[in-house]
Amino acid sequence: MIQTILLKNRPKGSPTLSDFEFVKEDTKLTPKEGEILLDTVYVSVDPYLRGRMSDAKSYAAPFELNKPIYSGVVAKVTVSKNDNFKEGEFVMGMLDWKTQQVSSGKDLMKVDGEKAPLSAYLGILGMTGLTAYLGLTQIGKPKAGETLIVSGAAGAVGSVVGQIAKNLGLTVIGIAGTDEKVDLLKSKFGFDAAINYNTSKDMSADIAKAAPNGIDIYFDNVGGPISDAVLFNINQFGRIVNCGAISVYNNTELPKSISVQPFLVKNSALMQGFIVSNYEEKFPEAMQQLAEWLAAGKLTYTETVVEGFENIPKAFMDLFEGKNTGKMVVKI
C-alpha cells in the first residue's frame, strides 16, 4: 500500500486538514533501468511550504492542486537499477510526500547514518544549517564583539544561527514564545539572553535592556511587530537579515507595520532578504564548517519528531502555533 498526500485546496489563511488529501494505492512499484526504489524514512516540514501552497508570484513555483506536495526527505534505497546507488543506502533530496516512490537519482545526495542521525541531514546538516550559516555570514557579516538578536530563536534555523554567532565571538540574544524555550536558549544553545515575546509588556524596552550596546545584526525569522521592536535598537551600520516572516504567512490582509526606511536611513543600516539557493556555490564550504563544529561539540540541535505519515499535515500546521522546538520532522 502506497500513501500519497496531495494539495487539495489552496489555504485561505491558516492551513487546515481539509486542504490536504490522502490517496492510497494498492500497487507495486518496479524501477526501470537507471532508476531506484525509495522508502521514505523522514519528511521535513518547513514554514516556507506555506508560500508554495498559494498561487502567487514567489521565488519558487507554487504547488499544483491535486498533485503531491514535496519537501526535503530522507529515504532508503530498497531496489536499485542505477549503478550510482546501492540497496540499503540512504539519500536526501526534494521528494514527494509519498511512503514509496521511484527516482532517477538526479539531485539526490547520499547520507551516512553512522556519521550523524539521519534526521540531522534535514536540519543542522541540511537546508536548516545552510540557511543559518550562509544568511548570517554572507549578509550579517558578523564580527567578534558585536551583538546579534534572533527572532524565532528556538526554531530550527534560529537556534543554529545563535550558536554559530557564539562560535564567532558575538553576544547573542534570542526571542521566543515560551519561558521553556527561553530557558532552553540559554541552557542548551548558549545564548547570552532571551526574551519571551508573549509575556513582554514592551518588546523594544526589553530588547534595549538585554542589549545595552544596541543591535548590530538582526536575524529575522518572523517579521511583524517583533521585528518592528528590533528596529528601534539597530545600531549604525547594522545589518538585518530577512530569512522568514512566519508571523504573517497566514494573513488574509496586508499587515500594517511601521515604515522601515527612517531606521535604515538614519543608521546607514542594511536590510536584505535571501533564499539559501542564492549561495549554492558555497554549500560545500558551509557543510564542512557545520560538520566540523558538530563533531567538536560546538553545535548542538533539538528536534521535534512526529511519528506517522498520516501526521505530516498536522506537524506542518503546528509550526505556525510554535509547537516545535528546533527542527520539525516526521518519522515514517
C-alpha atoms as a PDB file:
ATOM      1  CA  MET A   1       0.000   0.000   0.000  1.00  0.00           C
ATOM      2  CA  ILE A   2       1.491   3.351  -1.104  1.00  0.00           C
ATOM      3  CA  GLN A   3       0.228   6.525   0.537  1.00  0.00           C
ATOM      4  CA  THR A   4       0.474   9.994  -1.006  1.00  0.00           C
ATOM      5  CA  ILE A   5      -0.511  13.457   0.262  1.00  0.00           C
ATOM      6  CA  LEU A   6      -1.893  15.869  -2.331  1.00  0.00           C
ATOM      7  CA  LEU A   7      -2.642  19.593  -2.123  1.00  0.00           C
ATOM      8  CA  LYS A   8      -6.430  19.603  -2.385  1.00  0.00           C
ATOM      9  CA  ASN A   9      -7.134  23.321  -1.821  1.00  0.00           C
ATOM     10  CA  ARG A  10      -5.110  26.500  -1.659  1.00  0.00           C
ATOM     11  CA  PRO A  11      -5.361  27.564   2.000  1.00  0.00           C
ATOM     12  CA  LYS A  12      -7.137  30.799   2.845  1.00  0.00           C
ATOM     13  CA  GLY A  13      -5.432  32.000   5.989  1.00  0.00           C
ATOM     14  CA  SER A  14      -4.144  29.205   8.206  1.00  0.00           C
ATOM     15  CA  PRO A  15      -3.991  25.763   6.512  1.00  0.00           C
ATOM     16  CA  THR A  16      -6.496  23.151   7.686  1.00  0.00           C
ATOM     17  CA  LEU A  17      -6.615  19.389   7.276  1.00  0.00           C
ATOM     18  CA  SER A  18      -9.264  19.832   4.573  1.00  0.00           C
ATOM     19  CA  ASP A  19      -6.591  21.441   2.353  1.00  0.00           C
ATOM     20  CA  PHE A  20      -4.825  18.078   2.083  1.00  0.00           C
ATOM     21  CA  GLU A  21      -5.948  14.820   0.509  1.00  0.00           C
ATOM     22  CA  PHE A  22      -4.633  11.349   1.311  1.00  0.00           C
ATOM     23  CA  VAL A  23      -4.527   8.834  -1.521  1.00  0.00           C
ATOM     24  CA  LYS A  24      -3.857   5.124  -1.044  1.00  0.00           C
ATOM     25  CA  GLU A  25      -2.839   2.871  -3.905  1.00  0.00           C
ATOM     26  CA  ASP A  26      -2.620  -0.888  -3.703  1.00  0.00           C
ATOM     27  CA  THR A  27       0.148  -1.160  -6.273  1.00  0.00           C
ATOM     28  CA  LYS A  28       3.710  -2.386  -6.560  1.00  0.00           C
ATOM     29  CA  LEU A  29       6.383  -0.041  -7.914  1.00  0.00           C
ATOM     30  CA  THR A  30       9.139  -1.510 -10.067  1.00  0.00           C
ATOM     31  CA  PRO A  31      12.083   0.691 -11.052  1.00  0.00           C
ATOM     32  CA  LYS A  32      13.336   0.616 -14.631  1.00  0.00           C
ATOM     33  CA  GLU A  33      16.974   0.584 -15.698  1.00  0.00           C
ATOM     34  CA  GLY A  34      18.716   3.642 -14.249  1.00  0.00           C
ATOM     35  CA  GLU A  35      16.105   4.082 -11.507  1.00  0.00           C
ATOM     36  CA  ILE A  36      15.889   3.358  -7.785  1.00  0.00           C
ATOM     37  CA  LEU A  37      13.018   2.499  -5.467  1.00  0.00           C
ATOM     38  CA  LEU A  38      12.874   4.611  -2.313  1.00  0.00           C
ATOM     39  CA  ASP A  39      11.131   4.086   1.010  1.00  0.00           C
ATOM     40  CA  THR A  40      10.560   7.345   2.876  1.00  0.00           C
ATOM     41  CA  VAL A  41      12.183   7.493   6.321  1.00  0.00           C
ATOM     42  CA  TYR A  42      11.954  11.163   7.395  1.00  0.00           C
ATOM     43  CA  VAL A  43       9.992  14.114   5.972  1.00  0.00           C
ATOM     44  CA  SER A  44      10.865  17.748   6.637  1.00  0.00           C
ATOM     45  CA  VAL A  45       8.060  20.236   7.241  1.00  0.00           C
ATOM     46  CA  ASP A  46       9.060  23.898   6.959  1.00  0.00           C
ATOM     47  CA  PRO A  47       7.289  27.289   7.094  1.00  0.00           C
ATOM     48  CA  TYR A  48       8.290  28.197   3.517  1.00  0.00           C
ATOM     49  CA  LEU A  49       5.996  25.461   2.213  1.00  0.00           C
ATOM     50  CA  ARG A  50       3.032  27.679   3.120  1.00  0.00           C
ATOM     51  CA  GLY A  51       4.049  30.172   0.423  1.00  0.00           C
ATOM     52  CA  ARG A  52       4.182  27.444  -2.201  1.00  0.00           C
ATOM     53  CA  MET A  53       0.602  26.476  -1.385  1.00  0.00           C
ATOM     54  CA  SER A  54      -0.561  29.883  -2.640  1.00  0.00           C
ATOM     55  CA  ASP A  55      -0.876  30.711  -6.323  1.00  0.00           C
ATOM     56  CA  ALA A  56       1.235  33.830  -6.068  1.00  0.00           C
ATOM     57  CA  LYS A  57       4.490  35.019  -7.577  1.00  0.00           C
ATOM     58  CA  SER A  58       7.434  33.927  -5.455  1.00  0.00           C
ATOM     59  CA  TYR A  59      10.987  32.597  -5.712  1.00  0.00           C
ATOM     60  CA  ALA A  60       9.626  29.090  -6.416  1.00  0.00           C
ATOM     61  CA  ALA A  61       6.672  27.848  -8.436  1.00  0.00           C
ATOM     62  CA  PRO A  62       3.510  27.095  -6.423  1.00  0.00           C
ATOM     63  CA  PHE A  63       2.500  23.520  -5.743  1.00  0.00           C
ATOM     64  CA  GLU A  64      -0.069  22.232  -8.216  1.00  0.00           C
ATOM     65  CA  LEU A  65      -3.525  21.351  -6.984  1.00  0.00           C
ATOM     66  CA  ASN A  66      -4.302  17.631  -6.805  1.00  0.00           C
ATOM     67  CA  LYS A  67      -0.595  16.830  -7.132  1.00  0.00           C
ATOM     68  CA  PRO A  68       1.784  15.581  -4.421  1.00  0.00           C
ATOM     69  CA  ILE A  69       3.373  18.114  -2.090  1.00  0.00           C
ATOM     70  CA  TYR A  70       7.140  17.748  -1.826  1.00  0.00           C
ATOM     71  CA  SER A  71       9.880  18.831   0.552  1.00  0.00           C
ATOM     72  CA  GLY A  72      13.168  17.623   1.965  1.00  0.00           C
ATOM     73  CA  VAL A  73      13.060  13.852   2.512  1.00  0.00           C
ATOM     74  CA  VAL A  74      15.498  11.205   3.713  1.00  0.00           C
ATOM     75  CA  ALA A  75      14.764   7.852   2.076  1.00  0.00           C
ATOM     76  CA  LYS A  76      16.218   4.347   1.924  1.00  0.00           C
ATOM     77  CA  VAL A  77      17.175   2.717  -1.368  1.00  0.00           C
ATOM     78  CA  THR A  78      15.320  -0.605  -1.344  1.00  0.00           C
ATOM     79  CA  VAL A  79      15.806  -1.605  -5.013  1.00  0.00           C
ATOM     80  CA  SER A  80      18.491  -0.217  -7.300  1.00  0.00           C
ATOM     81  CA  LYS A  81      18.875  -0.453 -11.039  1.00  0.00           C
ATOM     82  CA  ASN A  82      21.227   2.515 -11.033  1.00  0.00           C
ATOM     83  CA  ASP A  83      24.974   1.883 -10.716  1.00  0.00           C
ATOM     84  CA  ASN A  84      25.412   5.034  -8.603  1.00  0.00           C
ATOM     85  CA  PHE A  85      23.268   3.728  -5.746  1.00  0.00           C
ATOM     86  CA  LYS A  86      23.321   0.536  -3.710  1.00  0.00           C
ATOM     87  CA  GLU A  87      20.419  -1.124  -1.954  1.00  0.00           C
ATOM     88  CA  GLY A  88      20.424  -0.186   1.729  1.00  0.00           C
ATOM     89  CA  GLU A  89      21.967   3.250   1.198  1.00  0.00           C
ATOM     90  CA  PHE A  90      20.202   6.396   2.389  1.00  0.00           C
ATOM     91  CA  VAL A  91      19.661   9.501   0.293  1.00  0.00           C
ATOM     92  CA  MET A  92      18.325  13.017   0.820  1.00  0.00           C
ATOM     93  CA  GLY A  93      16.577  15.294  -1.650  1.00  0.00           C
ATOM     94  CA  MET A  94      13.385  17.092  -2.601  1.00  0.00           C
ATOM     95  CA  LEU A  95      10.906  14.239  -2.868  1.00  0.00           C
ATOM     96  CA  ASP A  96       7.147  13.780  -2.886  1.00  0.00           C
ATOM     97  CA  TRP A  97       5.126  13.222   0.251  1.00  0.00           C
ATOM     98  CA  LYS A  98       4.796   9.502  -0.509  1.00  0.00           C
ATOM     99  CA  THR A  99       5.600   6.431   1.525  1.00  0.00           C
ATOM    100  CA  GLN A 100       7.359   4.942  -1.507  1.00  0.00           C
ATOM    101  CA  GLN A 101       8.448   6.310  -4.883  1.00  0.00           C
ATOM    102  CA  VAL A 102      10.705   5.706  -7.877  1.00  0.00           C
ATOM    103  CA  SER A 103      13.523   8.132  -8.697  1.00  0.00           C
ATOM    104  CA  SER A 104      16.188   8.513 -11.369  1.00  0.00           C
ATOM    105  CA  GLY A 105      18.601   9.508  -8.604  1.00  0.00           C
ATOM    106  CA  LYS A 106      19.053  13.000 -10.039  1.00  0.00           C
ATOM    107  CA  ASP A 107      19.698  15.690  -7.391  1.00  0.00           C
ATOM    108  CA  LEU A 108      19.821  13.108  -4.588  1.00  0.00           C
ATOM    109  CA  MET A 109      22.683  13.162  -2.091  1.00  0.00           C
ATOM    110  CA  LYS A 110      23.845  10.116  -0.181  1.00  0.00           C
ATOM    111  CA  VAL A 111      23.825  10.486   3.596  1.00  0.00           C
ATOM    112  CA  ASP A 112      25.553   8.406   6.257  1.00  0.00           C
ATOM    113  CA  GLY A 113      23.561   7.476   9.348  1.00  0.00           C
ATOM    114  CA  GLU A 114      26.753   6.414  11.137  1.00  0.00           C
ATOM    115  CA  LYS A 115      28.245   9.911  10.974  1.00  0.00           C
ATOM    116  CA  ALA A 116      25.109  11.689  12.171  1.00  0.00           C
ATOM    117  CA  PRO A 117      21.469  10.760  12.818  1.00  0.00           C
ATOM    118  CA  LEU A 118      19.581  10.595   9.532  1.00  0.00           C
ATOM    119  CA  SER A 119      17.150  13.316  10.590  1.00  0.00           C
ATOM    120  CA  ALA A 120      20.079  15.721  11.069  1.00  0.00           C
ATOM    121  CA  TYR A 121      20.521  15.845   7.292  1.00  0.00           C
ATOM    122  CA  LEU A 122      17.139  17.603   7.091  1.00  0.00           C
ATOM    123  CA  GLY A 123      18.160  20.012   9.823  1.00  0.00           C
ATOM    124  CA  ILE A 124      21.513  21.120  11.080  1.00  0.00           C
ATOM    125  CA  LEU A 125      23.444  19.342   8.289  1.00  0.00           C
ATOM    126  CA  GLY A 126      20.847  20.176   5.648  1.00  0.00           C
ATOM    127  CA  MET A 127      18.907  23.206   4.466  1.00  0.00           C
ATOM    128  CA  THR A 128      18.390  24.442   8.033  1.00  0.00           C
ATOM    129  CA  GLY A 129      22.091  24.612   8.854  1.00  0.00           C
ATOM    130  CA  LEU A 130      22.991  26.019   5.444  1.00  0.00           C
ATOM    131  CA  THR A 131      20.351  28.732   5.774  1.00  0.00           C
ATOM    132  CA  ALA A 132      21.617  29.729   9.207  1.00  0.00           C
ATOM    133  CA  TYR A 133      25.303  29.728   8.269  1.00  0.00           C
ATOM    134  CA  LEU A 134      25.048  31.429   4.891  1.00  0.00           C
ATOM    135  CA  GLY A 135      22.446  34.013   5.877  1.00  0.00           C
ATOM    136  CA  LEU A 136      24.492  35.050   8.893  1.00  0.00           C
ATOM    137  CA  THR A 137      27.925  35.042   7.270  1.00  0.00           C
ATOM    138  CA  GLN A 138      27.068  36.383   3.814  1.00  0.00           C
ATOM    139  CA  ILE A 139      24.588  39.117   4.780  1.00  0.00           C
ATOM    140  CA  GLY A 140      25.122  39.598   8.519  1.00  0.00           C
ATOM    141  CA  LYS A 141      28.919  39.664   8.118  1.00  0.00           C
ATOM    142  CA  PRO A 142      29.464  39.120  11.855  1.00  0.00           C
ATOM    143  CA  LYS A 143      32.480  40.475  13.704  1.00  0.00           C
ATOM    144  CA  ALA A 144      33.679  39.355  17.130  1.00  0.00           C
ATOM    145  CA  GLY A 145      32.362  41.626  19.866  1.00  0.00           C
ATOM    146  CA  GLU A 146      29.156  42.573  18.052  1.00  0.00           C
ATOM    147  CA  THR A 147      25.622  41.870  19.274  1.00  0.00           C
ATOM    148  CA  LEU A 148      23.182  39.648  17.376  1.00  0.00           C
ATOM    149  CA  ILE A 149      19.472  39.207  18.047  1.00  0.00           C
ATOM    150  CA  VAL A 150      17.467  36.333  16.550  1.00  0.00           C
ATOM    151  CA  SER A 151      13.677  36.050  16.313  1.00  0.00           C
ATOM    152  CA  GLY A 152      12.147  32.584  16.196  1.00  0.00           C
ATOM    153  CA  ALA A 153      15.302  31.724  18.109  1.00  0.00           C
ATOM    154  CA  ALA A 154      14.137  28.335  19.390  1.00  0.00           C
ATOM    155  CA  GLY A 155      13.190  27.205  15.901  1.00  0.00           C
ATOM    156  CA  ALA A 156      15.267  25.144  13.516  1.00  0.00           C
ATOM    157  CA  VAL A 157      17.197  27.988  11.871  1.00  0.00           C
ATOM    158  CA  GLY A 158      17.221  30.419  14.781  1.00  0.00           C
ATOM    159  CA  SER A 159      18.793  28.034  17.274  1.00  0.00           C
ATOM    160  CA  VAL A 160      21.638  27.293  14.846  1.00  0.00           C
ATOM    161  CA  VAL A 161      22.191  30.971  13.974  1.00  0.00           C
ATOM    162  CA  GLY A 162      22.719  31.800  17.637  1.00  0.00           C
ATOM    163  CA  GLN A 163      25.244  29.024  18.143  1.00  0.00           C
ATOM    164  CA  ILE A 164      27.206  29.975  15.028  1.00  0.00           C
ATOM    165  CA  ALA A 165      27.339  33.570  16.237  1.00  0.00           C
ATOM    166  CA  LYS A 166      28.631  32.432  19.645  1.00  0.00           C
ATOM    167  CA  ASN A 167      31.348  30.400  17.882  1.00  0.00           C
ATOM    168  CA  LEU A 168      32.327  33.601  16.068  1.00  0.00           C
ATOM    169  CA  GLY A 169      32.605  35.626  19.274  1.00  0.00           C
ATOM    170  CA  LEU A 170      29.334  37.579  19.313  1.00  0.00           C
ATOM    171  CA  THR A 171      26.922  38.387  22.126  1.00  0.00           C
ATOM    172  CA  VAL A 172      23.652  36.618  21.246  1.00  0.00           C
ATOM    173  CA  ILE A 173      20.067  37.417  22.275  1.00  0.00           C
ATOM    174  CA  GLY A 174      17.115  35.225  21.344  1.00  0.00           C
ATOM    175  CA  ILE A 175      13.396  35.923  21.071  1.00  0.00           C
ATOM    176  CA  ALA A 176      10.982  33.028  21.626  1.00  0.00           C
ATOM    177  CA  GLY A 177       7.385  32.426  22.681  1.00  0.00           C
ATOM    178  CA  THR A 178       7.505  30.453  25.946  1.00  0.00           C
ATOM    179  CA  ASP A 179       9.508  30.501  29.174  1.00  0.00           C
ATOM    180  CA  GLU A 180      10.596  26.917  28.420  1.00  0.00           C
ATOM    181  CA  LYS A 181      12.067  27.998  25.092  1.00  0.00           C
ATOM    182  CA  VAL A 182      13.743  30.994  26.701  1.00  0.00           C
ATOM    183  CA  ASP A 183      15.388  28.714  29.263  1.00  0.00           C
ATOM    184  CA  LEU A 184      16.433  26.282  26.525  1.00  0.00           C
ATOM    185  CA  LEU A 185      18.093  29.036  24.505  1.00  0.00           C
ATOM    186  CA  LYS A 186      20.308  29.919  27.463  1.00  0.00           C
ATOM    187  CA  SER A 187      20.932  26.448  28.906  1.00  0.00           C
ATOM    188  CA  LYS A 188      21.331  24.317  25.766  1.00  0.00           C
ATOM    189  CA  PHE A 189      22.233  26.710  22.963  1.00  0.00           C
ATOM    190  CA  GLY A 190      24.436  29.140  24.902  1.00  0.00           C
ATOM    191  CA  PHE A 191      22.532  32.366  24.208  1.00  0.00           C
ATOM    192  CA  ASP A 192      23.570  35.227  26.488  1.00  0.00           C
ATOM    193  CA  ALA A 193      19.975  36.411  26.986  1.00  0.00           C
ATOM    194  CA  ALA A 194      16.490  35.602  25.760  1.00  0.00           C
ATOM    195  CA  ILE A 195      13.092  37.340  25.726  1.00  0.00           C
ATOM    196  CA  ASN A 196       9.599  35.815  25.815  1.00  0.00           C
ATOM    197  CA  TYR A 197       7.573  37.928  23.395  1.00  0.00           C
ATOM    198  CA  ASN A 198       4.290  36.575  24.768  1.00  0.00           C
ATOM    199  CA  THR A 199       4.937  37.915  28.275  1.00  0.00           C
ATOM    200  CA  SER A 200       6.827  41.074  27.318  1.00  0.00           C
ATOM    201  CA  LYS A 201       4.935  44.308  28.025  1.00  0.00           C
ATOM    202  CA  ASP A 202       7.304  46.403  25.905  1.00  0.00           C
ATOM    203  CA  MET A 203       9.446  44.500  23.406  1.00  0.00           C
ATOM    204  CA  SER A 204      11.534  47.497  22.369  1.00  0.00           C
ATOM    205  CA  ALA A 205      12.415  48.272  26.001  1.00  0.00           C
ATOM    206  CA  ASP A 206      13.151  44.627  26.792  1.00  0.00           C
ATOM    207  CA  ILE A 207      15.482  44.416  23.792  1.00  0.00           C
ATOM    208  CA  ALA A 208      17.253  47.596  24.897  1.00  0.00           C
ATOM    209  CA  LYS A 209      17.699  46.130  28.386  1.00  0.00           C
ATOM    210  CA  ALA A 210      19.132  42.867  27.012  1.00  0.00           C
ATOM    211  CA  ALA A 211      21.363  44.731  24.535  1.00  0.00           C
ATOM    212  CA  PRO A 212      22.566  47.937  26.234  1.00  0.00           C
ATOM    213  CA  ASN A 213      25.063  48.489  23.399  1.00  0.00           C
ATOM    214  CA  GLY A 214      22.383  48.130  20.738  1.00  0.00           C
ATOM    215  CA  ILE A 215      21.894  45.561  17.980  1.00  0.00           C
ATOM    216  CA  ASP A 216      24.479  45.132  15.225  1.00  0.00           C
ATOM    217  CA  ILE A 217      22.820  42.189  13.438  1.00  0.00           C
ATOM    218  CA  TYR A 218      19.180  41.102  13.420  1.00  0.00           C
ATOM    219  CA  PHE A 219      18.442  37.641  12.004  1.00  0.00           C
ATOM    220  CA  ASP A 220      14.718  37.860  11.297  1.00  0.00           C
ATOM    221  CA  ASN A 221      12.629  34.704  11.035  1.00  0.00           C
ATOM    222  CA  VAL A 222       9.223  36.117  11.962  1.00  0.00           C
ATOM    223  CA  GLY A 223       8.528  39.655  10.716  1.00  0.00           C
ATOM    224  CA  GLY A 224       5.601  41.596  12.218  1.00  0.00           C
ATOM    225  CA  PRO A 225       5.597  43.578  15.492  1.00  0.00           C
ATOM    226  CA  ILE A 226       8.638  41.772  16.895  1.00  0.00           C
ATOM    227  CA  SER A 227      10.752  42.994  14.006  1.00  0.00           C
ATOM    228  CA  ASP A 228       9.337  46.497  14.416  1.00  0.00           C
ATOM    229  CA  ALA A 229      10.583  46.499  18.026  1.00  0.00           C
ATOM    230  CA  VAL A 230      14.081  45.430  16.968  1.00  0.00           C
ATOM    231  CA  LEU A 231      14.343  48.359  14.552  1.00  0.00           C
ATOM    232  CA  PHE A 232      14.261  50.814  17.464  1.00  0.00           C
ATOM    233  CA  ASN A 233      17.503  49.232  18.710  1.00  0.00           C
ATOM    234  CA  ILE A 234      19.504  48.883  15.481  1.00  0.00           C
ATOM    235  CA  ASN A 235      22.998  50.367  15.591  1.00  0.00           C
ATOM    236  CA  GLN A 236      24.718  52.463  12.962  1.00  0.00           C
ATOM    237  CA  PHE A 237      25.748  50.240  10.036  1.00  0.00           C
ATOM    238  CA  GLY A 238      23.547  47.450  11.423  1.00  0.00           C
ATOM    239  CA  ARG A 239      22.587  44.511   9.215  1.00  0.00           C
ATOM    240  CA  ILE A 240      19.109  42.979   9.093  1.00  0.00           C
ATOM    241  CA  VAL A 241      18.958  39.501   7.593  1.00  0.00           C
ATOM    242  CA  ASN A 242      15.438  38.673   6.390  1.00  0.00           C
ATOM    243  CA  CYS A 243      15.167  34.878   6.423  1.00  0.00           C
ATOM    244  CA  GLY A 244      11.433  34.435   7.029  1.00  0.00           C
ATOM    245  CA  ALA A 245       8.200  36.059   8.154  1.00  0.00           C
ATOM    246  CA  ILE A 246       6.199  33.248   9.723  1.00  0.00           C
ATOM    247  CA  SER A 247       4.054  35.666  11.727  1.00  0.00           C
ATOM    248  CA  VAL A 248       2.389  36.973   8.546  1.00  0.00           C
ATOM    249  CA  TYR A 249       2.330  33.945   6.214  1.00  0.00           C
ATOM    250  CA  ASN A 250      -1.298  33.135   7.018  1.00  0.00           C
ATOM    251  CA  ASN A 251      -2.572  36.721   6.931  1.00  0.00           C
ATOM    252  CA  THR A 252      -5.520  37.299   4.618  1.00  0.00           C
ATOM    253  CA  GLU A 253      -4.984  41.068   4.625  1.00  0.00           C
ATOM    254  CA  LEU A 254      -1.841  43.124   4.119  1.00  0.00           C
ATOM    255  CA  PRO A 255      -0.137  43.565   7.508  1.00  0.00           C
ATOM    256  CA  LYS A 256       0.180  47.040   8.997  1.00  0.00           C
ATOM    257  CA  SER A 257       3.713  47.803  10.049  1.00  0.00           C
ATOM    258  CA  ILE A 258       5.936  50.772  10.743  1.00  0.00           C
ATOM    259  CA  SER A 259       7.990  52.189   7.900  1.00  0.00           C
ATOM    260  CA  VAL A 260      11.496  50.741   7.934  1.00  0.00           C
ATOM    261  CA  GLN A 261      13.075  53.450   5.773  1.00  0.00           C
ATOM    262  CA  PRO A 262      13.724  56.043   8.520  1.00  0.00           C
ATOM    263  CA  PHE A 263      15.504  53.447  10.636  1.00  0.00           C
ATOM    264  CA  LEU A 264      17.644  52.297   7.723  1.00  0.00           C
ATOM    265  CA  VAL A 265      18.496  55.820   6.599  1.00  0.00           C
ATOM    266  CA  LYS A 266      19.389  57.294   9.979  1.00  0.00           C
ATOM    267  CA  ASN A 267      21.535  54.281  10.894  1.00  0.00           C
ATOM    268  CA  SER A 268      23.000  53.615   7.440  1.00  0.00           C
ATOM    269  CA  ALA A 269      21.693  50.096   8.044  1.00  0.00           C
ATOM    270  CA  LEU A 270      21.313  47.248   5.560  1.00  0.00           C
ATOM    271  CA  MET A 271      18.215  45.050   5.202  1.00  0.00           C
ATOM    272  CA  GLN A 272      18.370  42.120   2.796  1.00  0.00           C
ATOM    273  CA  GLY A 273      16.197  39.110   2.158  1.00  0.00           C
ATOM    274  CA  PHE A 274      17.552  35.841   0.805  1.00  0.00           C
ATOM    275  CA  ILE A 275      16.870  32.227  -0.012  1.00  0.00           C
ATOM    276  CA  VAL A 276      19.547  29.671   0.664  1.00  0.00           C
ATOM    277  CA  SER A 277      19.954  28.693  -3.008  1.00  0.00           C
ATOM    278  CA  ASN A 278      21.358  32.189  -3.672  1.00  0.00           C
ATOM    279  CA  TYR A 279      24.601  30.865  -2.177  1.00  0.00           C
ATOM    280  CA  GLU A 280      24.623  27.388  -3.712  1.00  0.00           C
ATOM    281  CA  GLU A 281      28.286  27.657  -4.685  1.00  0.00           C
ATOM    282  CA  LYS A 282      29.158  27.989  -1.003  1.00  0.00           C
ATOM    283  CA  PHE A 283      27.259  24.865   0.127  1.00  0.00           C
ATOM    284  CA  PRO A 284      30.376  22.613   0.333  1.00  0.00           C
ATOM    285  CA  GLU A 285      32.284  25.161   2.443  1.00  0.00           C
ATOM    286  CA  ALA A 286      29.292  25.663   4.741  1.00  0.00           C
ATOM    287  CA  MET A 287      28.616  21.925   5.129  1.00  0.00           C
ATOM    288  CA  GLN A 288      32.253  21.290   6.031  1.00  0.00           C
ATOM    289  CA  GLN A 289      32.266  24.001   8.707  1.00  0.00           C
ATOM    290  CA  LEU A 290      28.935  22.860  10.191  1.00  0.00           C
ATOM    291  CA  ALA A 291      30.106  19.234  10.303  1.00  0.00           C
ATOM    292  CA  GLU A 292      33.380  20.264  11.995  1.00  0.00           C
ATOM    293  CA  TRP A 293      31.567  22.280  14.656  1.00  0.00           C
ATOM    294  CA  LEU A 294      29.062  19.474  15.224  1.00  0.00           C
ATOM    295  CA  ALA A 295      31.827  16.866  15.606  1.00  0.00           C
ATOM    296  CA  ALA A 296      33.718  19.161  18.004  1.00  0.00           C
ATOM    297  CA  GLY A 297      30.655  19.676  20.184  1.00  0.00           C
ATOM    298  CA  LYS A 298      30.441  23.363  19.228  1.00  0.00           C
ATOM    299  CA  LEU A 299      26.981  22.914  17.715  1.00  0.00           C
ATOM    300  CA  THR A 300      24.011  21.081  19.111  1.00  0.00           C
ATOM    301  CA  TYR A 301      20.411  20.802  18.000  1.00  0.00           C
ATOM    302  CA  THR A 302      16.938  19.935  19.132  1.00  0.00           C
ATOM    303  CA  GLU A 303      14.303  18.196  17.068  1.00  0.00           C
ATOM    304  CA  THR A 304      10.577  17.823  17.367  1.00  0.00           C
ATOM    305  CA  VAL A 305       9.905  14.395  15.863  1.00  0.00           C
ATOM    306  CA  VAL A 306       6.332  13.473  14.986  1.00  0.00           C
ATOM    307  CA  GLU A 307       5.698   9.844  14.086  1.00  0.00           C
ATOM    308  CA  GLY A 308       3.443   8.601  11.317  1.00  0.00           C
ATOM    309  CA  PHE A 309       2.975   9.504   7.651  1.00  0.00           C
ATOM    310  CA  GLU A 310      -0.637  10.454   8.364  1.00  0.00           C
ATOM    311  CA  ASN A 311       0.571  13.197  10.738  1.00  0.00           C
ATOM    312  CA  ILE A 312       2.602  15.185   8.188  1.00  0.00           C
ATOM    313  CA  PRO A 313      -0.097  17.861   7.595  1.00  0.00           C
ATOM    314  CA  LYS A 314      -0.723  18.302  11.325  1.00  0.00           C
ATOM    315  CA  ALA A 315       3.012  18.646  12.001  1.00  0.00           C
ATOM    316  CA  PHE A 316       3.204  21.295   9.279  1.00  0.00           C
ATOM    317  CA  MET A 317       0.278  23.232  10.745  1.00  0.00           C
ATOM    318  CA  ASP A 318       1.799  23.042  14.236  1.00  0.00           C
ATOM    319  CA  LEU A 319       4.746  25.129  13.016  1.00  0.00           C
ATOM    320  CA  PHE A 320       2.516  28.198  12.881  1.00  0.00           C
ATOM    321  CA  GLU A 321       1.496  27.745  16.503  1.00  0.00           C
ATOM    322  CA  GLY A 322       5.082  27.402  17.705  1.00  0.00           C
ATOM    323  CA  LYS A 323       4.588  23.815  18.829  1.00  0.00           C
ATOM    324  CA  ASN A 324       8.046  22.826  17.636  1.00  0.00           C
ATOM    325  CA  THR A 325      11.345  23.275  19.391  1.00  0.00           C
ATOM    326  CA  GLY A 326      14.137  23.135  16.840  1.00  0.00           C
ATOM    327  CA  LYS A 327      13.612  21.293  13.575  1.00  0.00           C
ATOM    328  CA  MET A 328      10.230  19.686  12.956  1.00  0.00           C
ATOM    329  CA  VAL A 329      10.489  16.327  11.179  1.00  0.00           C
ATOM    330  CA  VAL A 330       8.093  13.465  10.658  1.00  0.00           C
ATOM    331  CA  LYS A 331       9.358   9.917  11.064  1.00  0.00           C
ATOM    332  CA  ILE A 332       7.619   7.415   8.831  1.00  0.00           C
END
